[in-house]
Amino acid sequence: MFLELSFCFLAAAMAIFAAGLAASKQRLRTVIKPLGAALAVMLVLTAIFDNLMIYAGLFGYGSGTLSGVHIGLAPIEDFFYAACAVFLLPGLWWLLGAGRKDAS
């Protein structure tokens, strides 16, 4: 259940990213390396801190709604939140005009 929902949110975040990229008139090849670096950092941090928090007993998950795929103790669904943020935030930044050079 959560895996399918996660894919929907990731698709929406990527659509907003694509729209923002088009609105900013930037090329994908100019942002692909920083985007990849941000994605890698976010996924590594998610793996570290989610596993630590789950291990410490700060929260847990019911097994009925998860896919069953884990990285350590963290379910794979947790990693979609980080990926969504990496695509959604720059897309919104560009769409709202903050990333434009001519914006005052």
C-alpha atoms as a PDB file:
ATOM      1  CA  MET A   1       0.000   0.000   0.000  1.00  0.00           C
ATOM      2  CA  PHE A   2       2.641   2.547   1.028  1.00  0.00           C
ATOM      3  CA  LEU A   3       4.945   1.526  -1.806  1.00  0.00           C
ATOM      4  CA  GLU A   4       2.316   2.329  -4.433  1.00  0.00           C
ATOM      5  CA  LEU A   5       1.537   5.622  -2.705  1.00  0.00           C
ATOM      6  CA  SER A   6       5.249   6.418  -2.569  1.00  0.00           C
ATOM      7  CA  PHE A   7       5.562   5.889  -6.325  1.00  0.00           C
ATOM      8  CA  CYS A   8       2.655   8.285  -6.890  1.00  0.00           C
ATOM      9  CA  PHE A   9       4.276  10.989  -4.772  1.00  0.00           C
ATOM     10  CA  LEU A  10       7.642  10.458  -6.472  1.00  0.00           C
ATOM     11  CA  ALA A  11       6.003  10.753  -9.901  1.00  0.00           C
ATOM     12  CA  ALA A  12       4.311  14.001  -8.827  1.00  0.00           C
ATOM     13  CA  ALA A  13       7.591  15.373  -7.451  1.00  0.00           C
ATOM     14  CA  MET A  14       9.399  14.487 -10.677  1.00  0.00           C
ATOM     15  CA  ALA A  15       6.654  16.155 -12.748  1.00  0.00           C
ATOM     16  CA  ILE A  16       7.016  19.345 -10.691  1.00  0.00           C
ATOM     17  CA  PHE A  17      10.792  19.114 -11.109  1.00  0.00           C
ATOM     18  CA  ALA A  18      10.419  18.776 -14.884  1.00  0.00           C
ATOM     19  CA  ALA A  19       7.990  21.707 -15.046  1.00  0.00           C
ATOM     20  CA  GLY A  20      10.293  23.839 -12.924  1.00  0.00           C
ATOM     21  CA  LEU A  21      13.296  22.900 -15.018  1.00  0.00           C
ATOM     22  CA  ALA A  22      11.443  23.915 -18.168  1.00  0.00           C
ATOM     23  CA  ALA A  23      10.261  27.178 -16.570  1.00  0.00           C
ATOM     24  CA  SER A  24      13.795  28.048 -15.483  1.00  0.00           C
ATOM     25  CA  LYS A  25      15.094  27.376 -19.007  1.00  0.00           C
ATOM     26  CA  GLN A  26      17.974  25.361 -17.603  1.00  0.00           C
ATOM     27  CA  ARG A  27      19.257  22.197 -19.160  1.00  0.00           C
ATOM     28  CA  LEU A  28      19.059  18.895 -17.362  1.00  0.00           C
ATOM     29  CA  ARG A  29      22.758  18.274 -17.899  1.00  0.00           C
ATOM     30  CA  THR A  30      23.620  21.383 -15.871  1.00  0.00           C
ATOM     31  CA  VAL A  31      21.665  20.194 -12.832  1.00  0.00           C
ATOM     32  CA  ILE A  32      22.099  16.417 -13.058  1.00  0.00           C
ATOM     33  CA  LYS A  33      25.359  16.253 -11.075  1.00  0.00           C
ATOM     34  CA  PRO A  34      24.170  18.440  -8.162  1.00  0.00           C
ATOM     35  CA  LEU A  35      20.836  16.598  -8.214  1.00  0.00           C
ATOM     36  CA  GLY A  36      22.590  13.224  -8.089  1.00  0.00           C
ATOM     37  CA  ALA A  37      24.867  14.389  -5.276  1.00  0.00           C
ATOM     38  CA  ALA A  38      21.911  15.692  -3.262  1.00  0.00           C
ATOM     39  CA  LEU A  39      20.017  12.446  -3.838  1.00  0.00           C
ATOM     40  CA  ALA A  40      22.995  10.355  -2.730  1.00  0.00           C
ATOM     41  CA  VAL A  41      23.505  12.421   0.427  1.00  0.00           C
ATOM     42  CA  MET A  42      19.811  12.315   1.324  1.00  0.00           C
ATOM     43  CA  LEU A  43      19.577   8.551   0.815  1.00  0.00           C
ATOM     44  CA  VAL A  44      22.694   7.872   2.888  1.00  0.00           C
ATOM     45  CA  LEU A  45      21.473  10.145   5.690  1.00  0.00           C
ATOM     46  CA  THR A  46      18.054   8.503   5.571  1.00  0.00           C
ATOM     47  CA  ALA A  47      19.647   5.062   5.830  1.00  0.00           C
ATOM     48  CA  ILE A  48      21.790   6.081   8.789  1.00  0.00           C
ATOM     49  CA  PHE A  49      19.271   8.036  10.825  1.00  0.00           C
ATOM     50  CA  ASP A  50      16.180   5.931  10.115  1.00  0.00           C
ATOM     51  CA  ASN A  51      18.054   2.820  11.187  1.00  0.00           C
ATOM     52  CA  LEU A  52      19.307   4.526  14.346  1.00  0.00           C
ATOM     53  CA  MET A  53      15.857   5.830  15.271  1.00  0.00           C
ATOM     54  CA  ILE A  54      14.171   2.483  14.636  1.00  0.00           C
ATOM     55  CA  TYR A  55      16.888   0.667  16.588  1.00  0.00           C
ATOM     56  CA  ALA A  56      16.465   3.107  19.499  1.00  0.00           C
ATOM     57  CA  GLY A  57      12.764   2.336  19.532  1.00  0.00           C
ATOM     58  CA  LEU A  58      11.624   5.863  18.701  1.00  0.00           C
ATOM     59  CA  PHE A  59       9.150   4.445  16.193  1.00  0.00           C
ATOM     60  CA  GLY A  60       8.250   1.256  14.398  1.00  0.00           C
ATOM     61  CA  TYR A  61       6.134   0.062  11.506  1.00  0.00           C
ATOM     62  CA  GLY A  62       3.293  -2.363  11.130  1.00  0.00           C
ATOM     63  CA  SER A  63       4.091  -5.035   8.600  1.00  0.00           C
ATOM     64  CA  GLY A  64       0.666  -5.080   6.937  1.00  0.00           C
ATOM     65  CA  THR A  65       1.121  -1.953   4.835  1.00  0.00           C
ATOM     66  CA  LEU A  66       4.808  -2.234   3.929  1.00  0.00           C
ATOM     67  CA  SER A  67       6.405  -4.034   0.993  1.00  0.00           C
ATOM     68  CA  GLY A  68       8.751  -6.015   3.233  1.00  0.00           C
ATOM     69  CA  VAL A  69      11.906  -4.684   1.562  1.00  0.00           C
ATOM     70  CA  HIS A  70      14.279  -3.151   4.119  1.00  0.00           C
ATOM     71  CA  ILE A  71      17.678  -1.521   4.176  1.00  0.00           C
ATOM     72  CA  GLY A  72      18.814  -2.509   7.615  1.00  0.00           C
ATOM     73  CA  LEU A  73      15.790  -1.844   9.798  1.00  0.00           C
ATOM     74  CA  ALA A  74      14.374   0.915   7.582  1.00  0.00           C
ATOM     75  CA  PRO A  75      11.636   0.012   5.116  1.00  0.00           C
ATOM     76  CA  ILE A  76      12.272   0.997   1.518  1.00  0.00           C
ATOM     77  CA  GLU A  77       9.229   3.276   1.630  1.00  0.00           C
ATOM     78  CA  ASP A  78      11.124   5.678   3.917  1.00  0.00           C
ATOM     79  CA  PHE A  79      13.641   6.384   1.185  1.00  0.00           C
ATOM     80  CA  PHE A  80      10.966   7.737  -1.138  1.00  0.00           C
ATOM     81  CA  TYR A  81      10.450  10.745   1.150  1.00  0.00           C
ATOM     82  CA  ALA A  82      14.072  11.783   0.698  1.00  0.00           C
ATOM     83  CA  ALA A  83      13.909  11.247  -3.065  1.00  0.00           C
ATOM     84  CA  CYS A  84      10.689  13.276  -3.301  1.00  0.00           C
ATOM     85  CA  ALA A  85      12.298  16.177  -1.440  1.00  0.00           C
ATOM     86  CA  VAL A  86      15.293  16.207  -3.781  1.00  0.00           C
ATOM     87  CA  PHE A  87      13.047  16.555  -6.837  1.00  0.00           C
ATOM     88  CA  LEU A  88      10.216  18.613  -5.369  1.00  0.00           C
ATOM     89  CA  LEU A  89      12.146  21.452  -3.735  1.00  0.00           C
ATOM     90  CA  PRO A  90      14.194  22.622  -6.725  1.00  0.00           C
ATOM     91  CA  GLY A  91      11.131  22.245  -8.949  1.00  0.00           C
ATOM     92  CA  LEU A  92       9.073  24.462  -6.676  1.00  0.00           C
ATOM     93  CA  TRP A  93      11.971  26.911  -6.342  1.00  0.00           C
ATOM     94  CA  TRP A  94      12.098  27.346 -10.098  1.00  0.00           C
ATOM     95  CA  LEU A  95       8.335  27.448 -10.549  1.00  0.00           C
ATOM     96  CA  LEU A  96       7.944  30.142  -7.919  1.00  0.00           C
ATOM     97  CA  GLY A  97      10.583  32.241  -9.642  1.00  0.00           C
ATOM     98  CA  ALA A  98      13.249  32.250  -6.945  1.00  0.00           C
ATOM     99  CA  GLY A  99      15.733  30.528  -9.206  1.00  0.00           C
ATOM    100  CA  ARG A 100      15.445  33.026 -12.063  1.00  0.00           C
ATOM    101  CA  LYS A 101      18.320  35.398 -12.641  1.00  0.00           C
ATOM    102  CA  ASP A 102      16.016  38.296 -13.531  1.00  0.00           C
ATOM    103  CA  ALA A 103      13.936  37.940 -10.318  1.00  0.00           C
ATOM    104  CA  SER A 104      14.382  40.807  -7.872  1.00  0.00           C
END
